[in-house]
Protein backbone atom coordinates (compact mmCIF):
# COMPACT_ATOMS: atom_id res chain seq x y z
CA UNK A 1 38.76 -58.43 103.05
CA UNK A 2 35.66 -59.21 100.96
CA UNK A 3 35.75 -60.08 97.36
CA UNK A 4 34.62 -56.61 96.24
CA UNK A 5 37.46 -54.98 98.43
CA UNK A 6 40.18 -57.28 96.84
CA UNK A 7 38.88 -56.52 93.40
CA UNK A 8 39.03 -52.75 94.15
CA UNK A 9 42.54 -53.18 95.57
CA UNK A 10 43.64 -54.98 92.45
CA UNK A 11 42.21 -52.42 90.13
CA UNK A 12 43.88 -49.64 92.13
CA UNK A 13 47.11 -51.31 92.07
CA UNK A 14 46.85 -51.95 88.29
CA UNK A 15 46.35 -48.21 87.81
CA UNK A 16 49.42 -47.47 90.01
CA UNK A 17 51.40 -50.04 88.10
CA UNK A 18 50.39 -48.84 84.76
CA UNK A 19 51.19 -45.33 85.57
CA UNK A 20 54.51 -46.15 87.00
CA UNK A 21 55.69 -47.99 83.96
CA UNK A 22 54.39 -45.36 81.61
CA UNK A 23 55.85 -42.44 83.52
CA UNK A 24 59.23 -44.30 83.59
CA UNK A 25 59.07 -45.20 79.85
CA UNK A 26 57.48 -42.09 78.21
CA UNK A 27 57.82 -39.43 80.84
CA UNK A 28 55.11 -37.96 83.24
CA UNK A 29 53.94 -35.09 80.99
CA UNK A 30 53.73 -37.24 77.99
CA UNK A 31 51.62 -39.88 79.62
CA UNK A 32 47.86 -39.12 79.65
CA UNK A 33 45.17 -40.67 81.84
CA UNK A 34 43.88 -42.37 78.77
CA UNK A 35 47.29 -44.03 78.32
CA UNK A 36 47.10 -45.20 81.92
CA UNK A 37 43.62 -46.57 81.79
CA UNK A 38 44.39 -48.36 78.38
CA UNK A 39 47.49 -49.95 79.94
CA UNK A 40 45.39 -51.08 83.13
CA UNK A 41 42.40 -52.17 80.95
CA UNK A 42 39.91 -49.92 82.65
CA UNK A 43 37.85 -46.96 81.69
CA UNK A 44 38.51 -43.23 82.47
CA UNK A 45 35.51 -43.34 84.88
CA UNK A 46 37.15 -46.10 86.75
CA UNK A 47 40.27 -44.11 87.07
CA UNK A 48 38.44 -41.19 88.52
CA UNK A 49 36.75 -43.38 91.23
CA UNK A 50 40.21 -44.15 92.55
CA UNK A 51 42.17 -40.89 91.87
CA UNK A 52 41.46 -37.42 91.24
CA UNK A 53 44.52 -36.64 89.10
CA UNK A 54 47.71 -38.19 87.85
CA UNK A 55 49.51 -36.43 90.64
CA UNK A 56 47.44 -38.13 93.21
CA UNK A 57 48.19 -41.41 91.73
CA UNK A 58 51.84 -41.05 92.64
CA UNK A 59 50.97 -40.92 96.41
CA UNK A 60 48.86 -43.95 96.89
CA UNK A 61 49.46 -44.87 100.37
CA UNK A 62 49.87 -41.30 101.99
CA UNK A 63 46.49 -41.08 103.62
CA UNK A 64 46.91 -44.71 104.92
CA UNK A 65 50.29 -43.65 106.71
CA UNK A 66 48.60 -40.67 108.17
CA UNK A 67 45.56 -42.74 109.49
CA UNK A 68 47.98 -45.25 110.89
CA UNK A 69 49.83 -42.49 112.85
CA UNK A 70 46.62 -41.01 114.10
CA UNK A 71 45.68 -44.56 115.26
CA UNK A 72 49.08 -44.99 116.91
CA UNK A 73 48.40 -41.69 118.75
CA UNK A 74 44.85 -42.70 119.91
CA UNK A 75 46.11 -46.17 120.99
CA UNK A 76 49.20 -44.88 122.77
CA UNK A 77 50.40 -46.60 125.83
CA UNK A 78 50.48 -45.01 129.35
CA UNK A 79 54.31 -44.98 129.16
CA UNK A 80 54.58 -43.74 125.69
CA UNK A 81 55.48 -40.13 124.88
CA UNK A 82 54.79 -38.48 121.54
CA UNK A 83 58.31 -39.45 120.15
CA UNK A 84 57.71 -43.19 121.07
CA UNK A 85 54.26 -43.17 119.40
CA UNK A 86 55.57 -41.66 116.21
CA UNK A 87 58.49 -44.02 116.11
CA UNK A 88 56.05 -46.90 116.54
CA UNK A 89 53.83 -45.64 113.81
CA UNK A 90 56.77 -45.41 111.49
CA UNK A 91 57.93 -48.98 112.33
CA UNK A 92 54.39 -50.34 111.74
CA UNK A 93 54.11 -48.57 108.50
CA UNK A 94 57.35 -50.00 107.36
CA UNK A 95 56.27 -53.47 108.20
CA UNK A 96 52.98 -53.21 106.48
CA UNK A 97 54.39 -51.60 103.15
CA UNK A 98 57.35 -50.89 101.13
CA UNK A 99 55.71 -47.75 99.64
CA UNK A 100 58.16 -45.35 101.05
CA UNK A 101 61.20 -47.23 99.72
CA UNK A 102 59.72 -48.74 96.50
CA UNK A 103 60.57 -48.07 92.79
CA UNK A 104 57.45 -45.90 92.89
CA UNK A 105 58.92 -43.91 95.63
CA UNK A 106 62.12 -43.32 93.74
CA UNK A 107 60.10 -42.26 90.66
CA UNK A 108 57.86 -39.95 92.84
CA UNK A 109 60.99 -38.20 94.35
CA UNK A 110 62.49 -37.70 90.86
CA UNK A 111 59.29 -36.21 89.59
CA UNK A 112 58.90 -34.09 92.57
CA UNK A 113 62.23 -32.47 91.61
CA UNK A 114 61.31 -31.97 87.97
CA UNK A 115 57.51 -31.59 87.64
CA UNK A 116 55.91 -28.67 89.50
CA UNK A 117 52.50 -30.23 89.66
CA UNK A 118 53.80 -33.34 91.41
CA UNK A 119 55.89 -31.11 93.65
CA UNK A 120 52.89 -29.08 94.51
CA UNK A 121 50.83 -32.12 95.22
CA UNK A 122 53.57 -33.77 97.50
CA UNK A 123 53.97 -30.53 99.35
CA UNK A 124 50.20 -30.23 99.87
CA UNK A 125 49.98 -33.79 101.21
CA UNK A 126 53.00 -33.34 103.47
CA UNK A 127 51.78 -30.14 104.92
CA UNK A 128 48.14 -31.57 105.42
CA UNK A 129 49.74 -34.61 107.13
CA UNK A 130 52.00 -32.43 109.41
CA UNK A 131 49.08 -30.28 110.50
CA UNK A 132 46.77 -33.30 111.22
CA UNK A 133 49.39 -35.24 113.03
CA UNK A 134 50.52 -32.18 115.12
CA UNK A 135 46.85 -31.41 116.05
CA UNK A 136 46.18 -34.94 117.26
CA UNK A 137 49.64 -34.96 119.21
CA UNK A 138 48.68 -31.62 120.89
CA UNK A 139 45.28 -33.02 121.95
CA UNK A 140 46.67 -36.34 123.13
CA UNK A 141 49.75 -35.00 125.15
CA UNK A 142 49.10 -32.23 127.56
CA UNK A 143 52.80 -31.30 127.73
CA UNK A 144 52.73 -30.28 124.04
CA UNK A 145 51.00 -27.20 122.80
CA UNK A 146 50.36 -26.89 119.13
CA UNK A 147 53.80 -25.16 118.39
CA UNK A 148 55.73 -27.89 120.15
CA UNK A 149 53.68 -30.61 118.61
CA UNK A 150 54.22 -28.95 115.14
CA UNK A 151 57.94 -28.76 115.66
CA UNK A 152 58.01 -32.38 116.84
CA UNK A 153 56.09 -33.56 113.66
CA UNK A 154 58.15 -31.33 111.35
CA UNK A 155 61.38 -32.87 112.72
CA UNK A 156 59.88 -36.36 112.29
CA UNK A 157 58.67 -35.90 108.77
CA UNK A 158 61.71 -33.90 107.79
CA UNK A 159 64.09 -36.48 108.89
CA UNK A 160 62.30 -39.13 106.87
CA UNK A 161 62.16 -36.97 103.77
CA UNK A 162 65.72 -36.00 103.97
CA UNK A 163 66.87 -39.69 104.24
CA UNK A 164 64.72 -40.78 101.36
CA UNK A 165 66.06 -38.05 99.08
CA UNK A 166 69.67 -38.78 100.08
CA UNK A 167 69.37 -42.53 99.76
CA UNK A 168 66.41 -43.71 97.66
CA UNK A 169 68.34 -44.29 94.52
CA UNK A 170 70.46 -46.80 96.48
CA UNK A 171 67.59 -49.22 95.92
CA UNK A 172 67.87 -51.77 98.87
CA UNK A 173 64.52 -51.48 100.73
CA UNK A 174 66.09 -53.06 103.87
CA UNK A 175 68.81 -50.55 103.93
CA UNK A 176 66.38 -47.73 103.31
CA UNK A 177 63.92 -48.79 106.00
CA UNK A 178 66.77 -48.98 108.49
CA UNK A 179 68.06 -45.55 107.60
CA UNK A 180 64.69 -44.07 107.62
CA UNK A 181 64.07 -45.39 111.23
CA UNK A 182 67.56 -44.25 112.42
CA UNK A 183 66.85 -40.72 111.02
CA UNK A 184 63.59 -40.59 112.82
CA UNK A 185 65.22 -41.74 115.98
CA UNK A 186 67.87 -39.11 115.60
CA UNK A 187 65.50 -36.37 114.96
CA UNK A 188 63.07 -37.22 117.81
CA UNK A 189 65.82 -37.92 120.54
CA UNK A 190 65.25 -34.43 122.35
CA UNK A 191 61.50 -35.65 122.86
CA UNK A 192 62.09 -39.19 123.83
CA UNK A 193 61.15 -40.20 127.37
């Protein structure tokens, strides 16, 4: 990673950290973009070069997880079926980042339940991810038409989401990661080779 990329990553993380702290302390609706940029010590223009909105800031790694899943599909082994590829992608994402089981994830889930704009953004991201992953699965695996690929993807994402809603307040990332992996395995069992 170049110096410029490291600096961009630090600035992006500073915005996420500032927003997380402010949302927890003052509330989501009460926190403005100006509050976030002041706390992160950057200008509003800088904020908008990283995020389009406050809602987007709550989902900083969603696109990275989708891209990692698409890469896993593209790089699948000859002996891997669609379920195995999705489970490998989840395992890899879990090893690279704690985003799905972090304090930000707990805050995000609380806000999804109480703030319509955050709920809308979360649902939009989830639906877009499901469609894209299903399309790539259908293209990669001849035994899957788009309907079956969509059902498989929906089971996978639904299992992960359900476990996170049920257990995220527990707080122990290792326990949560294991529970997420187990739920995904259970949901994908009918499709495993």
